[in-house]
Each structure stands twice: as C-alpha cells, then as structure tokens.
C-alpha cells in the first residue's frame, strides 16, 4: 500500500522533471529564433514570454516540492 504511494510520487517527480526539460528546450529554441529574426513579430515575443514563464513556473514547482533532477 505504501509502496504504491512512493511509486506514484516518484512517477510524478519524473514527469515534472521531463516537463521542465521540455519547457527549457522550447524556451531556448524560441529565444534563438527571435534573436536570429530580422523583424521579430509581436506574436513571437508573446510565445517567448509564455515559454519562459512556463519554464520558471515548473522550476518553482520543483523547488517547492524539493525535487532534484540528480537524485
């Protein structure tokens, strides 16, 4: 019974870490695209801002839950 809870918690932690990595990659990809654009659009800036906010939100969640990717 208690082993299931630990397993479920570990799966949630792994999913959060994976989401953080994906969000970081998306943010970096959009940032590079915007830097290389000659005339970046407002929509591009909005997407970049949302991607950055999502990444930092997920990092904050991991910090609150005391999750370390190196564990």
PDB file of N, CA and C in Angstrom:
ATOM      1  N   UNK A   1       0.817  -1.189   0.000  1.00  0.00           N
ATOM      2  CA  UNK A   1       0.000   0.000   0.000  1.00  0.00           C
ATOM      3  C   UNK A   1       0.866   1.260   0.000  1.00  0.00           C
ATOM      4  N   UNK A   2       1.831   1.310   0.904  1.00  0.00           N
ATOM      5  CA  UNK A   2       2.677   2.496   0.975  1.00  0.00           C
ATOM      6  C   UNK A   2       3.662   2.546  -0.183  1.00  0.00           C
ATOM      7  N   UNK A   3       4.015   1.401  -0.691  1.00  0.00           N
ATOM      8  CA  UNK A   3       4.922   1.337  -1.826  1.00  0.00           C
ATOM      9  C   UNK A   3       4.289   1.952  -3.068  1.00  0.00           C
ATOM     10  N   UNK A   4       2.987   1.799  -3.226  1.00  0.00           N
ATOM     11  CA  UNK A   4       2.285   2.401  -4.371  1.00  0.00           C
ATOM     12  C   UNK A   4       2.356   3.918  -4.320  1.00  0.00           C
ATOM     13  N   UNK A   5       2.205   4.465  -3.122  1.00  0.00           N
ATOM     14  CA  UNK A   5       2.263   5.921  -2.981  1.00  0.00           C
ATOM     15  C   UNK A   5       3.641   6.438  -3.350  1.00  0.00           C
ATOM     16  N   UNK A   6       4.674   5.742  -2.907  1.00  0.00           N
ATOM     17  CA  UNK A   6       6.033   6.166  -3.232  1.00  0.00           C
ATOM     18  C   UNK A   6       6.286   6.063  -4.730  1.00  0.00           C
ATOM     19  N   UNK A   7       5.777   4.975  -5.328  1.00  0.00           N
ATOM     20  CA  UNK A   7       5.966   4.784  -6.760  1.00  0.00           C
ATOM     21  C   UNK A   7       5.236   5.866  -7.551  1.00  0.00           C
ATOM     22  N   UNK A   8       4.012   6.178  -7.138  1.00  0.00           N
ATOM     23  CA  UNK A   8       3.238   7.215  -7.814  1.00  0.00           C
ATOM     24  C   UNK A   8       3.915   8.575  -7.657  1.00  0.00           C
ATOM     25  N   UNK A   9       4.417   8.861  -6.457  1.00  0.00           N
ATOM     26  CA  UNK A   9       5.092  10.135  -6.222  1.00  0.00           C
ATOM     27  C   UNK A   9       6.346  10.232  -7.088  1.00  0.00           C
ATOM     28  N   UNK A  10       7.090   9.141  -7.195  1.00  0.00           N
ATOM     29  CA  UNK A  10       8.306   9.138  -7.999  1.00  0.00           C
ATOM     30  C   UNK A  10       7.973   9.355  -9.480  1.00  0.00           C
ATOM     31  N   UNK A  11       6.877   8.746  -9.952  1.00  0.00           N
ATOM     32  CA  UNK A  11       6.458   8.945 -11.341  1.00  0.00           C
ATOM     33  C   UNK A  11       6.081  10.399 -11.586  1.00  0.00           C
ATOM     34  N   UNK A  12       5.403  11.028 -10.630  1.00  0.00           N
ATOM     35  CA  UNK A  12       5.036  12.439 -10.771  1.00  0.00           C
ATOM     36  C   UNK A  12       6.282  13.315 -10.802  1.00  0.00           C
ATOM     37  N   UNK A  13       7.264  12.991  -9.963  1.00  0.00           N
ATOM     38  CA  UNK A  13       8.516  13.746  -9.946  1.00  0.00           C
ATOM     39  C   UNK A  13       9.239  13.625 -11.280  1.00  0.00           C
ATOM     40  N   UNK A  14       9.296  12.409 -11.815  1.00  0.00           N
ATOM     41  CA  UNK A  14       9.958  12.199 -13.101  1.00  0.00           C
ATOM     42  C   UNK A  14       9.238  12.941 -14.221  1.00  0.00           C
ATOM     43  N   UNK A  15       7.917  12.958 -14.174  1.00  0.00           N
ATOM     44  CA  UNK A  15       7.140  13.673 -15.188  1.00  0.00           C
ATOM     45  C   UNK A  15       7.397  15.175 -15.093  1.00  0.00           C
ATOM     46  N   UNK A  16       7.485  15.703 -13.874  1.00  0.00           N
ATOM     47  CA  UNK A  16       7.775  17.122 -13.690  1.00  0.00           C
ATOM     48  C   UNK A  16       9.163  17.467 -14.227  1.00  0.00           C
ATOM     49  N   UNK A  17      10.134  16.626 -13.947  1.00  0.00           N
ATOM     50  CA  UNK A  17      11.500  16.864 -14.443  1.00  0.00           C
ATOM     51  C   UNK A  17      11.516  16.843 -15.972  1.00  0.00           C
ATOM     52  N   UNK A  18      10.803  15.902 -16.563  1.00  0.00           N
ATOM     53  CA  UNK A  18      10.723  15.832 -18.024  1.00  0.00           C
ATOM     54  C   UNK A  18      10.046  17.084 -18.590  1.00  0.00           C
ATOM     55  N   UNK A  19       8.992  17.552 -17.943  1.00  0.00           N
ATOM     56  CA  UNK A  19       8.309  18.770 -18.391  1.00  0.00           C
ATOM     57  C   UNK A  19       9.225  19.978 -18.289  1.00  0.00           C
ATOM     58  N   UNK A  20      10.046  20.020 -17.254  1.00  0.00           N
ATOM     59  CA  UNK A  20      10.993  21.130 -17.094  1.00  0.00           C
ATOM     60  C   UNK A  20      11.997  21.117 -18.246  1.00  0.00           C
ATOM     61  N   UNK A  21      12.513  19.948 -18.565  1.00  0.00           N
ATOM     62  CA  UNK A  21      13.479  19.854 -19.673  1.00  0.00           C
ATOM     63  C   UNK A  21      12.842  20.264 -20.997  1.00  0.00           C
ATOM     64  N   UNK A  22      11.618  19.815 -21.227  1.00  0.00           N
ATOM     65  CA  UNK A  22      10.916  20.174 -22.469  1.00  0.00           C
ATOM     66  C   UNK A  22      10.653  21.681 -22.542  1.00  0.00           C
ATOM     67  N   UNK A  23      10.222  22.257 -21.421  1.00  0.00           N
ATOM     68  CA  UNK A  23       9.936  23.696 -21.392  1.00  0.00           C
ATOM     69  C   UNK A  23      11.212  24.502 -21.612  1.00  0.00           C
ATOM     70  N   UNK A  24      12.318  24.049 -21.046  1.00  0.00           N
ATOM     71  CA  UNK A  24      13.591  24.751 -21.231  1.00  0.00           C
ATOM     72  C   UNK A  24      14.010  24.710 -22.693  1.00  0.00           C
ATOM     73  N   UNK A  25      13.878  23.548 -23.311  1.00  0.00           N
ATOM     74  CA  UNK A  25      14.241  23.422 -24.724  1.00  0.00           C
ATOM     75  C   UNK A  25      13.357  24.309 -25.593  1.00  0.00           C
ATOM     76  N   UNK A  26      12.061  24.337 -25.310  1.00  0.00           N
ATOM     77  CA  UNK A  26      11.143  25.182 -26.081  1.00  0.00           C
ATOM     78  C   UNK A  26      11.505  26.659 -25.922  1.00  0.00           C
ATOM     79  N   UNK A  27      11.802  27.078 -24.685  1.00  0.00           N
ATOM     80  CA  UNK A  27      12.165  28.470 -24.430  1.00  0.00           C
ATOM     81  C   UNK A  27      13.447  28.824 -25.190  1.00  0.00           C
ATOM     82  N   UNK A  28      14.455  27.951 -25.100  1.00  0.00           N
ATOM     83  CA  UNK A  28      15.730  28.225 -25.775  1.00  0.00           C
ATOM     84  C   UNK A  28      15.557  28.269 -27.298  1.00  0.00           C
ATOM     85  N   UNK A  29      14.748  27.377 -27.829  1.00  0.00           N
ATOM     86  CA  UNK A  29      14.512  27.336 -29.273  1.00  0.00           C
ATOM     87  C   UNK A  29      13.853  28.637 -29.737  1.00  0.00           C
ATOM     88  N   UNK A  30      12.823  29.075 -29.015  1.00  0.00           N
ATOM     89  CA  UNK A  30      12.147  30.325 -29.377  1.00  0.00           C
ATOM     90  C   UNK A  30      13.069  31.525 -29.212  1.00  0.00           C
ATOM     91  N   UNK A  31      13.901  31.499 -28.178  1.00  0.00           N
ATOM     92  CA  UNK A  31      14.835  32.605 -27.946  1.00  0.00           C
ATOM     93  C   UNK A  31      15.830  32.709 -29.099  1.00  0.00           C
ATOM     94  N   UNK A  32      16.379  31.571 -29.517  1.00  0.00           N
ATOM     95  CA  UNK A  32      17.316  31.593 -30.662  1.00  0.00           C
ATOM     96  C   UNK A  32      16.625  32.083 -31.924  1.00  0.00           C
ATOM     97  N   UNK A  33      15.397  31.630 -32.144  1.00  0.00           N
ATOM     98  CA  UNK A  33      14.645  32.042 -33.325  1.00  0.00           C
ATOM     99  C   UNK A  33      14.407  33.551 -33.317  1.00  0.00           C
ATOM    100  N   UNK A  34      14.037  34.091 -32.175  1.00  0.00           N
ATOM    101  CA  UNK A  34      13.774  35.529 -32.089  1.00  0.00           C
ATOM    102  C   UNK A  34      15.054  36.342 -32.262  1.00  0.00           C
ATOM    103  N   UNK A  35      16.166  35.830 -31.751  1.00  0.00           N
ATOM    104  CA  UNK A  35      17.435  36.545 -31.909  1.00  0.00           C
ATOM    105  C   UNK A  35      17.914  36.540 -33.356  1.00  0.00           C
ATOM    106  N   UNK A  36      17.600  35.478 -34.084  1.00  0.00           N
ATOM    107  CA  UNK A  36      18.047  35.370 -35.464  1.00  0.00           C
ATOM    108  C   UNK A  36      17.093  36.037 -36.446  1.00  0.00           C
ATOM    109  N   UNK A  37      15.911  36.419 -35.977  1.00  0.00           N
ATOM    110  CA  UNK A  37      14.925  37.041 -36.862  1.00  0.00           C
ATOM    111  C   UNK A  37      15.321  38.479 -37.178  1.00  0.00           C
ATOM    112  N   UNK A  38      15.109  38.847 -38.412  1.00  0.00           N
ATOM    113  CA  UNK A  38      15.387  40.221 -38.821  1.00  0.00           C
ATOM    114  C   UNK A  38      14.306  41.153 -38.288  1.00  0.00           C
ATOM    115  N   UNK A  39      13.064  40.728 -38.419  1.00  0.00           N
ATOM    116  CA  UNK A  39      11.930  41.524 -37.955  1.00  0.00           C
ATOM    117  C   UNK A  39      11.005  40.629 -37.112  1.00  0.00           C
ATOM    118  N   UNK A  40      11.354  40.424 -35.823  1.00  0.00           N
ATOM    119  CA  UNK A  40      10.537  39.532 -34.988  1.00  0.00           C
ATOM    120  C   UNK A  40       9.129  40.085 -34.781  1.00  0.00           C
ATOM    121  N   UNK A  41       8.162  39.201 -34.775  1.00  0.00           N
ATOM    122  CA  UNK A  41       6.768  39.617 -34.644  1.00  0.00           C
ATOM    123  C   UNK A  41       6.356  39.722 -33.180  1.00  0.00           C
ATOM    124  N   UNK A  42       5.249  40.406 -32.957  1.00  0.00           N
ATOM    125  CA  UNK A  42       4.703  40.521 -31.601  1.00  0.00           C
ATOM    126  C   UNK A  42       4.254  39.152 -31.094  1.00  0.00           C
ATOM    127  N   UNK A  43       3.697  38.352 -31.995  1.00  0.00           N
ATOM    128  CA  UNK A  43       3.263  37.002 -31.615  1.00  0.00           C
ATOM    129  C   UNK A  43       4.460  36.165 -31.171  1.00  0.00           C
ATOM    130  N   UNK A  44       5.582  36.340 -31.839  1.00  0.00           N
ATOM    131  CA  UNK A  44       6.803  35.635 -31.452  1.00  0.00           C
ATOM    132  C   UNK A  44       7.246  36.024 -30.055  1.00  0.00           C
ATOM    133  N   UNK A  45       7.178  37.321 -29.752  1.00  0.00           N
ATOM    134  CA  UNK A  45       7.539  37.783 -28.404  1.00  0.00           C
ATOM    135  C   UNK A  45       6.579  37.222 -27.356  1.00  0.00           C
ATOM    136  N   UNK A  46       5.296  37.151 -27.702  1.00  0.00           N
ATOM    137  CA  UNK A  46       4.320  36.579 -26.766  1.00  0.00           C
ATOM    138  C   UNK A  46       4.620  35.116 -26.495  1.00  0.00           C
ATOM    139  N   UNK A  47       4.902  34.369 -27.549  1.00  0.00           N
ATOM    140  CA  UNK A  47       5.220  32.950 -27.377  1.00  0.00           C
ATOM    141  C   UNK A  47       6.476  32.764 -26.542  1.00  0.00           C
ATOM    142  N   UNK A  48       7.460  33.605 -26.771  1.00  0.00           N
ATOM    143  CA  UNK A  48       8.698  33.544 -25.999  1.00  0.00           C
ATOM    144  C   UNK A  48       8.429  33.830 -24.530  1.00  0.00           C
ATOM    145  N   UNK A  49       7.622  34.834 -24.249  1.00  0.00           N
ATOM    146  CA  UNK A  49       7.293  35.189 -22.876  1.00  0.00           C
ATOM    147  C   UNK A  49       6.536  34.068 -22.181  1.00  0.00           C
ATOM    148  N   UNK A  50       5.603  33.462 -22.879  1.00  0.00           N
ATOM    149  CA  UNK A  50       4.831  32.350 -22.299  1.00  0.00           C
ATOM    150  C   UNK A  50       5.743  31.158 -22.033  1.00  0.00           C
ATOM    151  N   UNK A  51       6.623  30.836 -22.963  1.00  0.00           N
ATOM    152  CA  UNK A  51       7.530  29.699 -22.794  1.00  0.00           C
ATOM    153  C   UNK A  51       8.466  29.926 -21.607  1.00  0.00           C
ATOM    154  N   UNK A  52       8.959  31.142 -21.468  1.00  0.00           N
ATOM    155  CA  UNK A  52       9.853  31.467 -20.351  1.00  0.00           C
ATOM    156  C   UNK A  52       9.105  31.388 -19.026  1.00  0.00           C
ATOM    157  N   UNK A  53       7.886  31.912 -18.990  1.00  0.00           N
ATOM    158  CA  UNK A  53       7.085  31.874 -17.765  1.00  0.00           C
ATOM    159  C   UNK A  53       6.754  30.431 -17.378  1.00  0.00           C
ATOM    160  N   UNK A  54       6.442  29.611 -18.355  1.00  0.00           N
ATOM    161  CA  UNK A  54       6.127  28.205 -18.089  1.00  0.00           C
ATOM    162  C   UNK A  54       7.345  27.495 -17.495  1.00  0.00           C
ATOM    163  N   UNK A  55       8.507  27.739 -18.066  1.00  0.00           N
ATOM    164  CA  UNK A  55       9.736  27.118 -17.569  1.00  0.00           C
ATOM    165  C   UNK A  55      10.004  27.512 -16.122  1.00  0.00           C
ATOM    166  N   UNK A  56       9.923  28.802 -15.823  1.00  0.00           N
ATOM    167  CA  UNK A  56      10.207  29.242 -14.462  1.00  0.00           C
ATOM    168  C   UNK A  56       9.124  28.800 -13.478  1.00  0.00           C
ATOM    169  N   UNK A  57       7.894  28.678 -13.942  1.00  0.00           N
ATOM    170  CA  UNK A  57       6.834  28.150 -13.082  1.00  0.00           C
ATOM    171  C   UNK A  57       7.136  26.695 -12.700  1.00  0.00           C
ATOM    172  N   UNK A  58       7.539  25.895 -13.680  1.00  0.00           N
ATOM    173  CA  UNK A  58       7.853  24.498 -13.403  1.00  0.00           C
ATOM    174  C   UNK A  58       9.067  24.371 -12.481  1.00  0.00           C
ATOM    175  N   UNK A  59      10.054  25.232 -12.665  1.00  0.00           N
ATOM    176  CA  UNK A  59      11.207  25.224 -11.753  1.00  0.00           C
ATOM    177  C   UNK A  59      10.787  25.549 -10.326  1.00  0.00           C
ATOM    178  N   UNK A  60       9.905  26.517 -10.197  1.00  0.00           N
ATOM    179  CA  UNK A  60       9.412  26.896  -8.866  1.00  0.00           C
ATOM    180  C   UNK A  60       8.640  25.740  -8.227  1.00  0.00           C
ATOM    181  N   UNK A  61       7.844  25.039  -9.034  1.00  0.00           N
ATOM    182  CA  UNK A  61       7.105  23.869  -8.534  1.00  0.00           C
ATOM    183  C   UNK A  61       8.068  22.811  -8.024  1.00  0.00           C
ATOM    184  N   UNK A  62       9.126  22.554  -8.779  1.00  0.00           N
ATOM    185  CA  UNK A  62      10.111  21.558  -8.359  1.00  0.00           C
ATOM    186  C   UNK A  62      10.797  21.990  -7.068  1.00  0.00           C
ATOM    187  N   UNK A  63      11.103  23.260  -6.954  1.00  0.00           N
ATOM    188  CA  UNK A  63      11.736  23.760  -5.740  1.00  0.00           C
ATOM    189  C   UNK A  63      10.811  23.626  -4.534  1.00  0.00           C
ATOM    190  N   UNK A  64       9.539  23.949  -4.726  1.00  0.00           N
ATOM    191  CA  UNK A  64       8.559  23.827  -3.645  1.00  0.00           C
ATOM    192  C   UNK A  64       8.440  22.379  -3.193  1.00  0.00           C
ATOM    193  N   UNK A  65       8.431  21.463  -4.162  1.00  0.00           N
ATOM    194  CA  UNK A  65       8.303  20.030  -3.852  1.00  0.00           C
ATOM    195  C   UNK A  65       9.621  19.396  -3.460  1.00  0.00           C
ATOM    196  N   UNK A  66      10.692  20.179  -3.461  1.00  0.00           N
ATOM    197  CA  UNK A  66      12.026  19.712  -3.098  1.00  0.00           C
ATOM    198  C   UNK A  66      12.464  18.547  -3.995  1.00  0.00           C
ATOM    199  N   UNK A  67      12.300  18.737  -5.301  1.00  0.00           N
ATOM    200  CA  UNK A  67      12.668  17.721  -6.280  1.00  0.00           C
ATOM    201  C   UNK A  67      14.001  18.094  -6.903  1.00  0.00           C
ATOM    202  N   UNK A  68      14.888  17.119  -6.944  1.00  0.00           N
ATOM    203  CA  UNK A  68      16.199  17.327  -7.522  1.00  0.00           C
ATOM    204  C   UNK A  68      16.360  16.354  -8.686  1.00  0.00           C
ATOM    205  N   UNK A  69      16.743  16.843  -9.842  1.00  0.00           N
ATOM    206  CA  UNK A  69      16.873  16.005 -11.023  1.00  0.00           C
ATOM    207  C   UNK A  69      18.054  15.047 -10.907  1.00  0.00           C
ATOM    208  N   UNK A  70      18.991  15.325 -10.045  1.00  0.00           N
ATOM    209  CA  UNK A  70      20.195  14.495  -9.913  1.00  0.00           C
ATOM    210  C   UNK A  70      20.024  13.362  -8.903  1.00  0.00           C
ATOM    211  N   UNK A  71      18.835  13.242  -8.324  1.00  0.00           N
ATOM    212  CA  UNK A  71      18.615  12.189  -7.330  1.00  0.00           C
ATOM    213  C   UNK A  71      18.465  10.838  -7.975  1.00  0.00           C
TER     214      UNK A  71
END
